[in-house]
Amino acid sequence: MTKRILIVDDEPNIVISLEFLMKKEGFEVAIANDGEDALAKVASFNPDLMLLDVMMPRKSGYEVCEALRSDPSRGGLLIVMLTAKGRDTEVAKGLALGADAYVTKPFSTKDLVAKVKEMLAL
């Protein structure tokens, strides 16, 4: 069965490159451009993994992560936070809120694909 990835970012260039990359790897992809949209897409698309930007309009990545982690039906959803904020405090906050991994921008697309595949055990 094809794994589903939800890409959540408000920067079009990042969304375009991540979408291209993940589709090329054979994943089914959906896009959300802000935190509110992300929560709606999780409900309709039911992703296996979410690439979640931290700084976004209408709910930050932290708020989205916290909302999803407080929903017992979403326990299996893997969350990878993507952010330009790479300080230890931000990483610790993301992981404390329930993110499964934290990737700092700019990131190597090759490394990100490897991490996603590893997390989905492909």
C-alpha atoms as a PDB file:
ATOM      1  CA  MET A   1       0.000   0.000   0.000  1.00  0.00           C
ATOM      2  CA  THR A   2       1.297   3.458  -0.906  1.00  0.00           C
ATOM      3  CA  LYS A   3       2.351   5.541   2.091  1.00  0.00           C
ATOM      4  CA  ARG A   4       0.731   8.969   2.397  1.00  0.00           C
ATOM      5  CA  ILE A   5       2.657  12.116   3.250  1.00  0.00           C
ATOM      6  CA  LEU A   6       1.156  15.469   4.171  1.00  0.00           C
ATOM      7  CA  ILE A   7       3.436  18.436   3.476  1.00  0.00           C
ATOM      8  CA  VAL A   8       2.584  21.476   5.606  1.00  0.00           C
ATOM      9  CA  ASP A   9       4.477  24.669   4.776  1.00  0.00           C
ATOM     10  CA  ASP A  10       3.565  28.238   3.822  1.00  0.00           C
ATOM     11  CA  GLU A  11       6.576  28.723   1.516  1.00  0.00           C
ATOM     12  CA  PRO A  12       5.575  27.738  -2.053  1.00  0.00           C
ATOM     13  CA  ASN A  13       9.148  26.924  -3.160  1.00  0.00           C
ATOM     14  CA  ILE A  14       9.601  24.431  -0.328  1.00  0.00           C
ATOM     15  CA  VAL A  15       6.181  22.872  -0.967  1.00  0.00           C
ATOM     16  CA  ILE A  16       6.908  22.458  -4.692  1.00  0.00           C
ATOM     17  CA  SER A  17      10.302  20.834  -4.147  1.00  0.00           C
ATOM     18  CA  LEU A  18       9.102  18.538  -1.335  1.00  0.00           C
ATOM     19  CA  GLU A  19       6.016  17.511  -3.299  1.00  0.00           C
ATOM     20  CA  PHE A  20       8.130  16.681  -6.370  1.00  0.00           C
ATOM     21  CA  LEU A  21      10.641  14.769  -4.268  1.00  0.00           C
ATOM     22  CA  MET A  22       8.100  12.686  -2.347  1.00  0.00           C
ATOM     23  CA  LYS A  23       6.021  11.863  -5.441  1.00  0.00           C
ATOM     24  CA  LYS A  24       9.210  10.809  -7.226  1.00  0.00           C
ATOM     25  CA  GLU A  25       9.826   8.372  -4.354  1.00  0.00           C
ATOM     26  CA  GLY A  26       6.355   6.887  -4.910  1.00  0.00           C
ATOM     27  CA  PHE A  27       4.482   8.478  -2.010  1.00  0.00           C
ATOM     28  CA  GLU A  28       0.934   9.792  -2.228  1.00  0.00           C
ATOM     29  CA  VAL A  29       1.140  13.491  -1.313  1.00  0.00           C
ATOM     30  CA  ALA A  30      -1.244  16.154  -0.031  1.00  0.00           C
ATOM     31  CA  ILE A  31      -0.438  19.795   0.729  1.00  0.00           C
ATOM     32  CA  ALA A  32      -1.554  22.209   3.443  1.00  0.00           C
ATOM     33  CA  ASN A  33      -0.428  25.843   3.556  1.00  0.00           C
ATOM     34  CA  ASP A  34      -1.190  26.714   7.176  1.00  0.00           C
ATOM     35  CA  GLY A  35      -1.914  25.107  10.526  1.00  0.00           C
ATOM     36  CA  GLU A  36      -5.717  25.148  10.273  1.00  0.00           C
ATOM     37  CA  ASP A  37      -5.584  23.605   6.795  1.00  0.00           C
ATOM     38  CA  ALA A  38      -3.158  20.966   8.108  1.00  0.00           C
ATOM     39  CA  LEU A  39      -5.612  19.736  10.739  1.00  0.00           C
ATOM     40  CA  ALA A  40      -8.425  19.571   8.163  1.00  0.00           C
ATOM     41  CA  LYS A  41      -6.202  17.656   5.709  1.00  0.00           C
ATOM     42  CA  VAL A  42      -5.156  15.148   8.380  1.00  0.00           C
ATOM     43  CA  ALA A  43      -8.836  14.321   8.863  1.00  0.00           C
ATOM     44  CA  SER A  44      -9.592  13.942   5.134  1.00  0.00           C
ATOM     45  CA  PHE A  45      -6.284  12.534   3.789  1.00  0.00           C
ATOM     46  CA  ASN A  46      -5.260  10.380   6.780  1.00  0.00           C
ATOM     47  CA  PRO A  47      -1.468  10.585   6.214  1.00  0.00           C
ATOM     48  CA  ASP A  48       1.113   8.131   7.547  1.00  0.00           C
ATOM     49  CA  LEU A  49       3.676  10.925   7.981  1.00  0.00           C
ATOM     50  CA  MET A  50       3.549  14.710   8.129  1.00  0.00           C
ATOM     51  CA  LEU A  51       6.347  17.122   7.175  1.00  0.00           C
ATOM     52  CA  LEU A  52       5.374  20.068   9.361  1.00  0.00           C
ATOM     53  CA  ASP A  53       6.812  23.583   9.200  1.00  0.00           C
ATOM     54  CA  VAL A  54       6.979  25.371  12.556  1.00  0.00           C
ATOM     55  CA  MET A  55       6.375  29.021  11.607  1.00  0.00           C
ATOM     56  CA  MET A  56       3.040  29.295   9.766  1.00  0.00           C
ATOM     57  CA  PRO A  57      -0.116  31.410   9.781  1.00  0.00           C
ATOM     58  CA  ARG A  58      -3.343  30.277  11.516  1.00  0.00           C
ATOM     59  CA  LYS A  59      -1.655  27.842  13.974  1.00  0.00           C
ATOM     60  CA  SER A  60       2.037  27.164  14.297  1.00  0.00           C
ATOM     61  CA  GLY A  61       3.557  23.757  13.713  1.00  0.00           C
ATOM     62  CA  TYR A  62       3.875  23.445  17.485  1.00  0.00           C
ATOM     63  CA  GLU A  63       0.116  24.003  17.903  1.00  0.00           C
ATOM     64  CA  VAL A  64      -0.683  21.510  15.129  1.00  0.00           C
ATOM     65  CA  CYS A  65       1.634  18.914  16.679  1.00  0.00           C
ATOM     66  CA  GLU A  66       0.099  19.434  20.113  1.00  0.00           C
ATOM     67  CA  ALA A  67      -3.471  19.138  18.743  1.00  0.00           C
ATOM     68  CA  LEU A  68      -2.653  15.919  16.878  1.00  0.00           C
ATOM     69  CA  ARG A  69      -0.865  14.374  19.845  1.00  0.00           C
ATOM     70  CA  SER A  70      -3.868  15.070  22.093  1.00  0.00           C
ATOM     71  CA  ASP A  71      -6.092  13.056  19.691  1.00  0.00           C
ATOM     72  CA  PRO A  72      -5.805   9.332  20.557  1.00  0.00           C
ATOM     73  CA  SER A  73      -6.982   8.324  17.060  1.00  0.00           C
ATOM     74  CA  ARG A  74      -3.880   9.982  15.563  1.00  0.00           C
ATOM     75  CA  GLY A  75      -1.341   8.028  17.623  1.00  0.00           C
ATOM     76  CA  GLY A  76       0.192   6.333  14.586  1.00  0.00           C
ATOM     77  CA  LEU A  77       0.844   9.548  12.645  1.00  0.00           C
ATOM     78  CA  LEU A  78       4.571  10.294  12.360  1.00  0.00           C
ATOM     79  CA  ILE A  79       5.462  13.986  12.581  1.00  0.00           C
ATOM     80  CA  VAL A  80       8.702  15.465  11.213  1.00  0.00           C
ATOM     81  CA  MET A  81       9.056  19.139  12.096  1.00  0.00           C
ATOM     82  CA  LEU A  82      10.864  21.301   9.519  1.00  0.00           C
ATOM     83  CA  THR A  83      12.140  24.661  10.621  1.00  0.00           C
ATOM     84  CA  ALA A  84      14.688  27.396  10.194  1.00  0.00           C
ATOM     85  CA  LYS A  85      14.737  27.568  14.008  1.00  0.00           C
ATOM     86  CA  GLY A  86      17.441  25.081  14.894  1.00  0.00           C
ATOM     87  CA  ARG A  87      18.306  26.160  18.424  1.00  0.00           C
ATOM     88  CA  ASP A  88      18.318  23.450  21.061  1.00  0.00           C
ATOM     89  CA  THR A  89      15.319  25.006  22.830  1.00  0.00           C
ATOM     90  CA  GLU A  90      13.144  24.814  19.673  1.00  0.00           C
ATOM     91  CA  VAL A  91      14.222  21.236  18.979  1.00  0.00           C
ATOM     92  CA  ALA A  92      13.475  20.279  22.587  1.00  0.00           C
ATOM     93  CA  LYS A  93      10.060  21.983  22.419  1.00  0.00           C
ATOM     94  CA  GLY A  94       9.119  20.177  19.191  1.00  0.00           C
ATOM     95  CA  LEU A  95      10.159  16.797  20.561  1.00  0.00           C
ATOM     96  CA  ALA A  96       8.452  17.480  23.908  1.00  0.00           C
ATOM     97  CA  LEU A  97       5.193  18.225  22.070  1.00  0.00           C
ATOM     98  CA  GLY A  98       5.400  14.855  20.370  1.00  0.00           C
ATOM     99  CA  ALA A  99       7.291  15.327  17.115  1.00  0.00           C
ATOM    100  CA  ASP A 100       9.050  12.142  16.024  1.00  0.00           C
ATOM    101  CA  ALA A 101      11.923  13.995  14.354  1.00  0.00           C
ATOM    102  CA  TYR A 102      13.197  17.528  13.817  1.00  0.00           C
ATOM    103  CA  VAL A 103      14.920  18.708  10.638  1.00  0.00           C
ATOM    104  CA  THR A 104      16.525  22.149  10.354  1.00  0.00           C
ATOM    105  CA  LYS A 105      16.290  24.236   7.166  1.00  0.00           C
ATOM    106  CA  PRO A 106      18.172  24.353   4.919  1.00  0.00           C
ATOM    107  CA  PHE A 107      18.241  20.570   4.731  1.00  0.00           C
ATOM    108  CA  SER A 108      19.620  18.032   2.315  1.00  0.00           C
ATOM    109  CA  THR A 109      16.728  16.611   0.285  1.00  0.00           C
ATOM    110  CA  LYS A 110      18.598  13.306   0.031  1.00  0.00           C
ATOM    111  CA  ASP A 111      18.904  13.111   3.820  1.00  0.00           C
ATOM    112  CA  LEU A 112      15.236  14.049   4.273  1.00  0.00           C
ATOM    113  CA  VAL A 113      14.087  11.306   1.884  1.00  0.00           C
ATOM    114  CA  ALA A 114      16.313   8.805   3.708  1.00  0.00           C
ATOM    115  CA  LYS A 115      14.841   9.879   7.071  1.00  0.00           C
ATOM    116  CA  VAL A 116      11.245   9.594   5.781  1.00  0.00           C
ATOM    117  CA  LYS A 117      11.892   6.138   4.355  1.00  0.00           C
ATOM    118  CA  GLU A 118      13.579   5.027   7.557  1.00  0.00           C
ATOM    119  CA  MET A 119      10.702   6.321   9.700  1.00  0.00           C
ATOM    120  CA  LEU A 120       8.143   4.566   7.507  1.00  0.00           C
ATOM    121  CA  ALA A 121      10.407   1.486   7.597  1.00  0.00           C
ATOM    122  CA  LEU A 122      10.639   1.195   3.810  1.00  0.00           C
END
